[in-house]
Amino acid sequence: MVTYSLKQSAEGQWNVCRSGASLFSHLQLPAAIRLAREVARDEHLRSGRSVCVEMPGTESTIRLAQFASSAPFLGRAA
């Protein structure tokens, strides 16, 4: 699963990150959420892979969006 994450900077602005790299920075929180969801949805539609958007919460991570893979599960039955 590909994960996009929102990270707050020391200045209080928000960054949209993937694999630890900041893709977009200096955003207000609503704009960062919208942009992260849009980028995640676009990647899911182009690649067919599972993609999610997460944001750190005070006690746990908050999942803001999830786009499930359209590929069938090919694992073994238990």
N, C-alpha and C. Protein backbone atom coordinates (compact mmCIF):
# COMPACT_ATOMS: atom_id res chain seq x y z
N MET A 1 0.84 -1.18 0.00
CA MET A 1 0.00 0.00 0.00
C MET A 1 0.88 1.24 0.00
N VAL A 2 0.53 2.19 -0.83
CA VAL A 2 1.21 3.47 -0.88
C VAL A 2 0.55 4.39 0.15
N THR A 3 1.36 5.08 0.94
CA THR A 3 0.81 5.97 1.96
C THR A 3 1.31 7.39 1.76
N TYR A 4 0.37 8.30 1.69
CA TYR A 4 0.67 9.73 1.72
C TYR A 4 0.38 10.18 3.14
N SER A 5 1.24 11.03 3.67
CA SER A 5 1.04 11.48 5.05
C SER A 5 1.12 13.00 5.13
N LEU A 6 0.40 13.54 6.10
CA LEU A 6 0.45 14.97 6.38
C LEU A 6 1.34 15.17 7.58
N LYS A 7 2.26 16.10 7.46
CA LYS A 7 3.18 16.39 8.57
C LYS A 7 3.20 17.90 8.80
N GLN A 8 3.11 18.27 10.07
CA GLN A 8 3.10 19.68 10.42
C GLN A 8 4.53 20.18 10.60
N SER A 9 4.80 21.35 10.03
CA SER A 9 6.12 21.95 10.16
C SER A 9 6.21 22.71 11.48
N ALA A 10 7.40 23.13 11.84
CA ALA A 10 7.62 23.89 13.07
C ALA A 10 6.85 25.21 13.05
N GLU A 11 6.59 25.73 11.85
CA GLU A 11 5.88 27.01 11.70
C GLU A 11 4.36 26.84 11.75
N GLY A 12 3.88 25.60 11.82
CA GLY A 12 2.45 25.35 11.89
C GLY A 12 1.80 25.08 10.55
N GLN A 13 2.56 25.14 9.48
CA GLN A 13 2.03 24.81 8.16
C GLN A 13 2.08 23.30 7.98
N TRP A 14 1.46 22.79 6.90
CA TRP A 14 1.38 21.36 6.68
C TRP A 14 2.06 20.97 5.38
N ASN A 15 2.68 19.78 5.40
CA ASN A 15 3.34 19.22 4.22
C ASN A 15 2.66 17.92 3.84
N VAL A 16 2.57 17.66 2.55
CA VAL A 16 2.08 16.38 2.04
C VAL A 16 3.32 15.57 1.67
N CYS A 17 3.49 14.40 2.27
CA CYS A 17 4.70 13.59 2.09
C CYS A 17 4.36 12.20 1.55
N ARG A 18 5.34 11.63 0.87
CA ARG A 18 5.26 10.24 0.43
C ARG A 18 6.66 9.64 0.62
N SER A 19 6.74 8.51 1.27
CA SER A 19 8.02 7.83 1.56
C SER A 19 9.01 8.77 2.23
N GLY A 20 8.51 9.62 3.12
CA GLY A 20 9.38 10.52 3.87
C GLY A 20 9.78 11.78 3.14
N ALA A 21 9.47 11.88 1.85
CA ALA A 21 9.83 13.07 1.06
C ALA A 21 8.64 14.00 0.97
N SER A 22 8.88 15.27 1.21
CA SER A 22 7.82 16.27 1.11
C SER A 22 7.55 16.59 -0.35
N LEU A 23 6.29 16.40 -0.76
CA LEU A 23 5.89 16.68 -2.14
C LEU A 23 5.33 18.09 -2.28
N PHE A 24 4.59 18.54 -1.26
CA PHE A 24 3.99 19.87 -1.24
C PHE A 24 4.18 20.41 0.17
N SER A 25 4.45 21.70 0.28
CA SER A 25 4.71 22.24 1.61
C SER A 25 4.07 23.62 1.78
N HIS A 26 4.09 24.10 3.02
CA HIS A 26 3.58 25.41 3.39
C HIS A 26 2.09 25.56 3.08
N LEU A 27 1.31 24.54 3.46
CA LEU A 27 -0.13 24.55 3.19
C LEU A 27 -0.92 24.70 4.49
N GLN A 28 -2.10 25.28 4.38
CA GLN A 28 -3.05 25.27 5.49
C GLN A 28 -3.64 23.86 5.55
N LEU A 29 -4.10 23.43 6.73
CA LEU A 29 -4.56 22.06 6.90
C LEU A 29 -5.66 21.65 5.91
N PRO A 30 -6.74 22.44 5.72
CA PRO A 30 -7.77 22.00 4.77
C PRO A 30 -7.23 21.80 3.35
N ALA A 31 -6.36 22.69 2.91
CA ALA A 31 -5.77 22.56 1.57
C ALA A 31 -4.86 21.34 1.49
N ALA A 32 -4.12 21.05 2.55
CA ALA A 32 -3.23 19.88 2.56
C ALA A 32 -4.04 18.59 2.49
N ILE A 33 -5.15 18.54 3.22
CA ILE A 33 -6.01 17.34 3.19
C ILE A 33 -6.58 17.15 1.79
N ARG A 34 -7.13 18.21 1.21
CA ARG A 34 -7.70 18.11 -0.14
C ARG A 34 -6.67 17.66 -1.16
N LEU A 35 -5.49 18.26 -1.11
CA LEU A 35 -4.43 17.94 -2.07
C LEU A 35 -3.95 16.50 -1.90
N ALA A 36 -3.75 16.07 -0.66
CA ALA A 36 -3.30 14.70 -0.41
C ALA A 36 -4.32 13.69 -0.91
N ARG A 37 -5.60 13.94 -0.67
CA ARG A 37 -6.65 13.03 -1.15
C ARG A 37 -6.68 13.00 -2.68
N GLU A 38 -6.54 14.16 -3.30
CA GLU A 38 -6.55 14.23 -4.76
C GLU A 38 -5.37 13.47 -5.37
N VAL A 39 -4.19 13.66 -4.82
CA VAL A 39 -3.00 12.97 -5.31
C VAL A 39 -3.13 11.46 -5.10
N ALA A 40 -3.63 11.06 -3.95
CA ALA A 40 -3.80 9.63 -3.65
C ALA A 40 -4.82 9.00 -4.60
N ARG A 41 -5.95 9.69 -4.82
CA ARG A 41 -6.97 9.16 -5.73
C ARG A 41 -6.42 9.04 -7.14
N ASP A 42 -5.67 10.04 -7.57
CA ASP A 42 -5.07 10.01 -8.91
C ASP A 42 -4.10 8.83 -9.05
N GLU A 43 -3.25 8.63 -8.05
CA GLU A 43 -2.31 7.51 -8.11
C GLU A 43 -3.05 6.17 -8.15
N HIS A 44 -4.09 6.05 -7.34
CA HIS A 44 -4.88 4.82 -7.33
C HIS A 44 -5.52 4.56 -8.71
N LEU A 45 -6.10 5.58 -9.30
CA LEU A 45 -6.74 5.41 -10.60
C LEU A 45 -5.74 5.07 -11.70
N ARG A 46 -4.55 5.66 -11.63
CA ARG A 46 -3.52 5.38 -12.64
C ARG A 46 -2.88 4.02 -12.46
N SER A 47 -2.61 3.62 -11.21
CA SER A 47 -1.84 2.41 -10.96
C SER A 47 -2.68 1.20 -10.56
N GLY A 48 -3.86 1.45 -10.01
CA GLY A 48 -4.68 0.36 -9.51
C GLY A 48 -4.24 -0.15 -8.15
N ARG A 49 -3.20 0.45 -7.58
CA ARG A 49 -2.70 0.02 -6.27
C ARG A 49 -3.53 0.63 -5.14
N SER A 50 -3.44 0.01 -3.97
CA SER A 50 -4.07 0.56 -2.78
C SER A 50 -3.27 1.77 -2.32
N VAL A 51 -3.98 2.83 -2.00
CA VAL A 51 -3.35 4.08 -1.58
C VAL A 51 -4.15 4.65 -0.42
N CYS A 52 -3.47 5.21 0.58
CA CYS A 52 -4.18 5.84 1.68
C CYS A 52 -3.52 7.17 2.04
N VAL A 53 -4.27 7.98 2.79
CA VAL A 53 -3.79 9.26 3.30
C VAL A 53 -3.92 9.21 4.81
N GLU A 54 -2.83 9.52 5.51
CA GLU A 54 -2.82 9.48 6.97
C GLU A 54 -2.29 10.79 7.56
N MET A 55 -2.76 11.06 8.77
CA MET A 55 -2.32 12.25 9.50
C MET A 55 -2.07 11.84 10.94
N PRO A 56 -0.98 12.33 11.54
CA PRO A 56 -0.73 11.97 12.94
C PRO A 56 -1.77 12.60 13.86
N GLY A 57 -2.32 11.80 14.76
CA GLY A 57 -3.24 12.30 15.77
C GLY A 57 -2.53 12.41 17.11
N THR A 58 -3.24 12.81 18.12
CA THR A 58 -2.60 12.96 19.44
C THR A 58 -2.24 11.62 20.06
N GLU A 59 -3.05 10.58 19.77
CA GLU A 59 -2.77 9.26 20.34
C GLU A 59 -2.54 8.19 19.30
N SER A 60 -2.96 8.42 18.08
CA SER A 60 -2.78 7.43 17.02
C SER A 60 -2.85 8.14 15.67
N THR A 61 -2.60 7.39 14.62
CA THR A 61 -2.66 7.92 13.27
C THR A 61 -4.11 7.92 12.78
N ILE A 62 -4.51 8.99 12.13
CA ILE A 62 -5.86 9.12 11.61
C ILE A 62 -5.83 8.88 10.11
N ARG A 63 -6.61 7.93 9.64
CA ARG A 63 -6.69 7.65 8.20
C ARG A 63 -7.75 8.58 7.61
N LEU A 64 -7.34 9.44 6.68
CA LEU A 64 -8.23 10.42 6.08
C LEU A 64 -8.85 9.93 4.78
N ALA A 65 -8.21 8.99 4.11
CA ALA A 65 -8.73 8.44 2.86
C ALA A 65 -8.08 7.10 2.60
N GLN A 66 -8.81 6.23 1.92
CA GLN A 66 -8.25 4.95 1.51
C GLN A 66 -8.89 4.55 0.19
N PHE A 67 -8.05 4.20 -0.76
CA PHE A 67 -8.49 3.75 -2.07
C PHE A 67 -7.97 2.33 -2.24
N ALA A 68 -8.88 1.37 -2.21
CA ALA A 68 -8.51 -0.05 -2.22
C ALA A 68 -8.11 -0.50 -3.62
N SER A 69 -7.24 -1.48 -3.64
CA SER A 69 -6.79 -2.07 -4.90
C SER A 69 -7.94 -2.78 -5.58
N SER A 70 -7.98 -2.67 -6.90
CA SER A 70 -9.01 -3.37 -7.66
C SER A 70 -8.55 -4.75 -8.09
N ALA A 71 -7.29 -5.09 -7.79
CA ALA A 71 -6.76 -6.40 -8.17
C ALA A 71 -7.32 -7.47 -7.25
N PRO A 72 -7.62 -8.65 -7.75
CA PRO A 72 -8.14 -9.72 -6.90
C PRO A 72 -7.05 -10.23 -5.96
N PHE A 73 -7.47 -10.72 -4.80
CA PHE A 73 -6.54 -11.29 -3.83
C PHE A 73 -6.10 -12.67 -4.33
N LEU A 74 -4.80 -12.87 -4.41
CA LEU A 74 -4.28 -14.13 -4.94
C LEU A 74 -3.60 -14.98 -3.87
N GLY A 75 -3.81 -14.64 -2.60
CA GLY A 75 -3.18 -15.39 -1.52
C GLY A 75 -3.86 -16.72 -1.26
N ARG A 76 -3.23 -17.52 -0.41
CA ARG A 76 -3.78 -18.84 -0.07
C ARG A 76 -4.91 -18.68 0.94
N ALA A 77 -5.88 -19.52 0.84
CA ALA A 77 -6.95 -19.57 1.84
C ALA A 77 -6.41 -20.24 3.10
N ALA A 78 -6.88 -19.78 4.25
CA ALA A 78 -6.40 -20.33 5.52
C ALA A 78 -7.09 -21.61 5.88
